[in-house]
Amino acid sequence: MLEVRKIKPEMTYSLRHSVLRPHQTLEDCIYDTDHADHAFHVGAFYQGKLISIASFCIEKNPNFSNEMQYRLRGMATLDEFRKLGVGRAVINYAENLLKEQGVDFLWCKGRTTVQEFYNKLGFNIQGEVFDYPPIGPHIMLYKKLT
């Protein structure tokens, strides 16, 4: 059975490293926003094993209006659990928390390889593909929550 809940930022580092940044150091997987005020982290567990994570922080995207905004960062799911609804469960859990706080808008810089995943969750594309060194091509995605 899948359990989705808030987790400590330190619990995200290993999965960020193995899935998102395997050619970088573990220290590169620690974000400056991990312990910011109002930041939170969500994890999905299967049989007690952490299999998917995402981090959320207040961060204004200058391309959008003055709505209350959160940024999604470091979304990662173990390969063997992809396309099973685990990532969707993590995002849905976080969106419910954000809506309860009156957050209007969620955005992220997603890898182009997972753009379809975000589109299926109702995210829209903003702008053109850009390079995010040293990770590669990304696209800005956003979603209105209200």
C-alpha atoms as a PDB file:
ATOM      1  CA  MET A   1       0.000   0.000   0.000  1.00  0.00           C
ATOM      2  CA  LEU A   2       1.232   3.477  -0.877  1.00  0.00           C
ATOM      3  CA  GLU A   3       1.680   6.005   1.936  1.00  0.00           C
ATOM      4  CA  VAL A   4       2.165   9.689   1.037  1.00  0.00           C
ATOM      5  CA  ARG A   5       3.187  12.176   3.719  1.00  0.00           C
ATOM      6  CA  LYS A   6       5.398  15.111   4.590  1.00  0.00           C
ATOM      7  CA  ILE A   7       9.048  14.229   5.165  1.00  0.00           C
ATOM      8  CA  LYS A   8      12.191  15.976   6.401  1.00  0.00           C
ATOM      9  CA  PRO A   9      14.355  17.617   3.713  1.00  0.00           C
ATOM     10  CA  GLU A  10      17.277  15.327   4.512  1.00  0.00           C
ATOM     11  CA  MET A  11      15.170  12.343   3.454  1.00  0.00           C
ATOM     12  CA  THR A  12      15.074  13.695  -0.119  1.00  0.00           C
ATOM     13  CA  TYR A  13      18.820  13.901  -0.693  1.00  0.00           C
ATOM     14  CA  SER A  14      19.565  10.273  -1.533  1.00  0.00           C
ATOM     15  CA  LEU A  15      16.714   9.982  -4.049  1.00  0.00           C
ATOM     16  CA  ARG A  16      17.557  13.362  -5.590  1.00  0.00           C
ATOM     17  CA  HIS A  17      21.104  12.121  -6.005  1.00  0.00           C
ATOM     18  CA  SER A  18      20.356   8.685  -7.452  1.00  0.00           C
ATOM     19  CA  VAL A  19      17.541   9.768  -9.801  1.00  0.00           C
ATOM     20  CA  LEU A  20      18.188  13.418 -10.682  1.00  0.00           C
ATOM     21  CA  ARG A  21      21.901  14.071 -10.226  1.00  0.00           C
ATOM     22  CA  PRO A  22      23.851  10.774 -10.248  1.00  0.00           C
ATOM     23  CA  HIS A  23      26.900  12.413 -11.852  1.00  0.00           C
ATOM     24  CA  GLN A  24      27.118  15.117  -9.203  1.00  0.00           C
ATOM     25  CA  THR A  25      27.908  14.993  -5.511  1.00  0.00           C
ATOM     26  CA  LEU A  26      25.340  14.424  -2.774  1.00  0.00           C
ATOM     27  CA  GLU A  27      26.037  17.999  -1.634  1.00  0.00           C
ATOM     28  CA  ASP A  28      24.787  19.223  -5.044  1.00  0.00           C
ATOM     29  CA  CYS A  29      21.413  17.696  -4.117  1.00  0.00           C
ATOM     30  CA  ILE A  30      20.954  19.986  -1.129  1.00  0.00           C
ATOM     31  CA  TYR A  31      18.931  23.040  -2.158  1.00  0.00           C
ATOM     32  CA  ASP A  32      19.221  26.431  -0.501  1.00  0.00           C
ATOM     33  CA  THR A  33      15.423  26.418  -0.127  1.00  0.00           C
ATOM     34  CA  ASP A  34      15.194  23.072   1.725  1.00  0.00           C
ATOM     35  CA  HIS A  35      14.915  24.678   5.151  1.00  0.00           C
ATOM     36  CA  ALA A  36      13.299  27.948   4.079  1.00  0.00           C
ATOM     37  CA  ASP A  37      10.270  29.255   5.926  1.00  0.00           C
ATOM     38  CA  HIS A  38       7.114  27.531   4.699  1.00  0.00           C
ATOM     39  CA  ALA A  39       9.047  25.007   2.569  1.00  0.00           C
ATOM     40  CA  PHE A  40       7.868  21.422   2.770  1.00  0.00           C
ATOM     41  CA  HIS A  41       8.762  18.061   1.301  1.00  0.00           C
ATOM     42  CA  VAL A  42       6.527  15.148   0.351  1.00  0.00           C
ATOM     43  CA  GLY A  43       7.459  11.500   0.058  1.00  0.00           C
ATOM     44  CA  ALA A  44       5.683   8.369  -1.122  1.00  0.00           C
ATOM     45  CA  PHE A  45       6.502   5.102   0.597  1.00  0.00           C
ATOM     46  CA  TYR A  46       5.845   1.569  -0.610  1.00  0.00           C
ATOM     47  CA  GLN A  47       6.324  -1.147   2.002  1.00  0.00           C
ATOM     48  CA  GLY A  48       8.279   1.334   4.098  1.00  0.00           C
ATOM     49  CA  LYS A  49      10.657   2.296   1.269  1.00  0.00           C
ATOM     50  CA  LEU A  50      10.839   5.899   0.070  1.00  0.00           C
ATOM     51  CA  ILE A  51      10.134   5.692  -3.671  1.00  0.00           C
ATOM     52  CA  SER A  52       9.131   9.217  -4.728  1.00  0.00           C
ATOM     53  CA  ILE A  53       9.809  12.746  -3.492  1.00  0.00           C
ATOM     54  CA  ALA A  54       9.086  16.377  -4.257  1.00  0.00           C
ATOM     55  CA  SER A  55       9.986  19.638  -2.546  1.00  0.00           C
ATOM     56  CA  PHE A  56       7.934  22.830  -2.423  1.00  0.00           C
ATOM     57  CA  CYS A  57       8.964  26.356  -1.472  1.00  0.00           C
ATOM     58  CA  ILE A  58       7.643  29.878  -1.739  1.00  0.00           C
ATOM     59  CA  GLU A  59       9.355  31.355  -4.748  1.00  0.00           C
ATOM     60  CA  LYS A  60       8.052  34.026  -7.072  1.00  0.00           C
ATOM     61  CA  ASN A  61       8.234  33.372 -10.772  1.00  0.00           C
ATOM     62  CA  PRO A  62       8.780  36.807 -12.340  1.00  0.00           C
ATOM     63  CA  ASN A  63       6.932  35.765 -15.509  1.00  0.00           C
ATOM     64  CA  PHE A  64       3.612  35.512 -13.686  1.00  0.00           C
ATOM     65  CA  SER A  65       1.285  37.781 -11.738  1.00  0.00           C
ATOM     66  CA  ASN A  66       1.222  38.561  -8.054  1.00  0.00           C
ATOM     67  CA  GLU A  67      -0.631  35.438  -6.980  1.00  0.00           C
ATOM     68  CA  MET A  68       0.563  33.415  -3.988  1.00  0.00           C
ATOM     69  CA  GLN A  69       3.108  31.101  -5.629  1.00  0.00           C
ATOM     70  CA  TYR A  70       5.020  27.976  -4.736  1.00  0.00           C
ATOM     71  CA  ARG A  71       7.780  26.315  -6.695  1.00  0.00           C
ATOM     72  CA  LEU A  72       8.079  22.555  -7.108  1.00  0.00           C
ATOM     73  CA  ARG A  73      11.678  21.320  -7.056  1.00  0.00           C
ATOM     74  CA  GLY A  74      13.437  17.991  -7.019  1.00  0.00           C
ATOM     75  CA  MET A  75      10.586  15.724  -8.122  1.00  0.00           C
ATOM     76  CA  ALA A  76      11.987  12.190  -8.367  1.00  0.00           C
ATOM     77  CA  THR A  77      10.557   8.673  -8.521  1.00  0.00           C
ATOM     78  CA  LEU A  78      12.529   5.453  -8.616  1.00  0.00           C
ATOM     79  CA  ASP A  79      12.524   3.979 -12.135  1.00  0.00           C
ATOM     80  CA  GLU A  80      10.715   0.790 -11.161  1.00  0.00           C
ATOM     81  CA  PHE A  81       7.781   2.786  -9.723  1.00  0.00           C
ATOM     82  CA  ARG A  82       7.257   5.166 -12.650  1.00  0.00           C
ATOM     83  CA  LYS A  83       3.997   5.152 -14.632  1.00  0.00           C
ATOM     84  CA  LEU A  84       2.153   3.619 -11.654  1.00  0.00           C
ATOM     85  CA  GLY A  85       0.563   6.827 -10.321  1.00  0.00           C
ATOM     86  CA  VAL A  86       3.104   7.376  -7.546  1.00  0.00           C
ATOM     87  CA  GLY A  87       4.260  10.797  -8.790  1.00  0.00           C
ATOM     88  CA  ARG A  88       0.648  11.813  -9.311  1.00  0.00           C
ATOM     89  CA  ALA A  89      -0.114  10.859  -5.696  1.00  0.00           C
ATOM     90  CA  VAL A  90       2.787  13.004  -4.445  1.00  0.00           C
ATOM     91  CA  ILE A  91       1.683  16.036  -6.480  1.00  0.00           C
ATOM     92  CA  ASN A  92      -1.990  15.613  -5.523  1.00  0.00           C
ATOM     93  CA  TYR A  93      -1.063  15.430  -1.824  1.00  0.00           C
ATOM     94  CA  ALA A  94       1.028  18.620  -2.105  1.00  0.00           C
ATOM     95  CA  GLU A  95      -1.605  20.453  -4.142  1.00  0.00           C
ATOM     96  CA  ASN A  96      -4.194  19.754  -1.438  1.00  0.00           C
ATOM     97  CA  LEU A  97      -1.855  21.195   1.206  1.00  0.00           C
ATOM     98  CA  LEU A  98      -1.191  24.251  -0.943  1.00  0.00           C
ATOM     99  CA  LYS A  99      -4.874  24.861  -1.638  1.00  0.00           C
ATOM    100  CA  GLU A 100      -5.585  24.699   2.115  1.00  0.00           C
ATOM    101  CA  GLN A 101      -3.009  27.494   2.547  1.00  0.00           C
ATOM    102  CA  GLY A 102      -4.656  29.611  -0.144  1.00  0.00           C
ATOM    103  CA  VAL A 103      -1.863  29.154  -2.692  1.00  0.00           C
ATOM    104  CA  ASP A 104      -3.004  30.102  -6.197  1.00  0.00           C
ATOM    105  CA  PHE A 105      -0.168  28.988  -8.372  1.00  0.00           C
ATOM    106  CA  LEU A 106       2.426  26.185  -8.631  1.00  0.00           C
ATOM    107  CA  TRP A 107       5.352  26.250 -11.052  1.00  0.00           C
ATOM    108  CA  CYS A 108       8.518  24.349 -11.836  1.00  0.00           C
ATOM    109  CA  LYS A 109      11.437  24.034 -14.201  1.00  0.00           C
ATOM    110  CA  GLY A 110      10.909  20.505 -15.490  1.00  0.00           C
ATOM    111  CA  ARG A 111      13.167  18.373 -17.617  1.00  0.00           C
ATOM    112  CA  THR A 112      11.830  18.067 -21.136  1.00  0.00           C
ATOM    113  CA  THR A 113      11.852  14.268 -20.703  1.00  0.00           C
ATOM    114  CA  VAL A 114       9.040  14.520 -18.112  1.00  0.00           C
ATOM    115  CA  GLN A 115       7.012  17.279 -19.727  1.00  0.00           C
ATOM    116  CA  GLU A 116       4.242  14.810 -20.631  1.00  0.00           C
ATOM    117  CA  PHE A 117       3.915  13.776 -16.962  1.00  0.00           C
ATOM    118  CA  TYR A 118       3.329  17.386 -15.914  1.00  0.00           C
ATOM    119  CA  ASN A 119       0.952  18.027 -18.818  1.00  0.00           C
ATOM    120  CA  LYS A 120      -1.207  15.087 -17.677  1.00  0.00           C
ATOM    121  CA  LEU A 121      -1.392  16.700 -14.224  1.00  0.00           C
ATOM    122  CA  GLY A 122      -2.719  19.945 -15.681  1.00  0.00           C
ATOM    123  CA  PHE A 123       0.517  21.912 -15.942  1.00  0.00           C
ATOM    124  CA  ASN A 124       0.938  24.291 -18.876  1.00  0.00           C
ATOM    125  CA  ILE A 125       4.095  25.261 -20.713  1.00  0.00           C
ATOM    126  CA  GLN A 126       5.471  28.786 -20.390  1.00  0.00           C
ATOM    127  CA  GLY A 127       8.225  29.875 -22.755  1.00  0.00           C
ATOM    128  CA  GLU A 128      10.794  27.938 -24.699  1.00  0.00           C
ATOM    129  CA  VAL A 129      13.099  25.057 -23.832  1.00  0.00           C
ATOM    130  CA  PHE A 130      16.277  26.249 -22.091  1.00  0.00           C
ATOM    131  CA  ASP A 131      19.484  24.622 -20.897  1.00  0.00           C
ATOM    132  CA  TYR A 132      19.905  24.131 -17.156  1.00  0.00           C
ATOM    133  CA  PRO A 133      23.623  23.363 -16.750  1.00  0.00           C
ATOM    134  CA  PRO A 134      24.816  20.773 -15.954  1.00  0.00           C
ATOM    135  CA  ILE A 135      21.505  18.868 -16.113  1.00  0.00           C
ATOM    136  CA  GLY A 136      20.274  19.633 -19.632  1.00  0.00           C
ATOM    137  CA  PRO A 137      17.115  20.847 -21.418  1.00  0.00           C
ATOM    138  CA  HIS A 138      14.249  22.123 -19.258  1.00  0.00           C
ATOM    139  CA  ILE A 139      10.922  23.847 -19.783  1.00  0.00           C
ATOM    140  CA  MET A 140       9.003  26.159 -17.458  1.00  0.00           C
ATOM    141  CA  LEU A 141       5.652  24.664 -16.388  1.00  0.00           C
ATOM    142  CA  TYR A 142       2.875  26.134 -14.268  1.00  0.00           C
ATOM    143  CA  LYS A 143      -0.549  25.298 -12.880  1.00  0.00           C
ATOM    144  CA  LYS A 144      -3.325  27.442 -11.430  1.00  0.00           C
ATOM    145  CA  LEU A 145      -4.606  25.833  -8.224  1.00  0.00           C
ATOM    146  CA  THR A 146      -7.701  27.972  -7.733  1.00  0.00           C
END
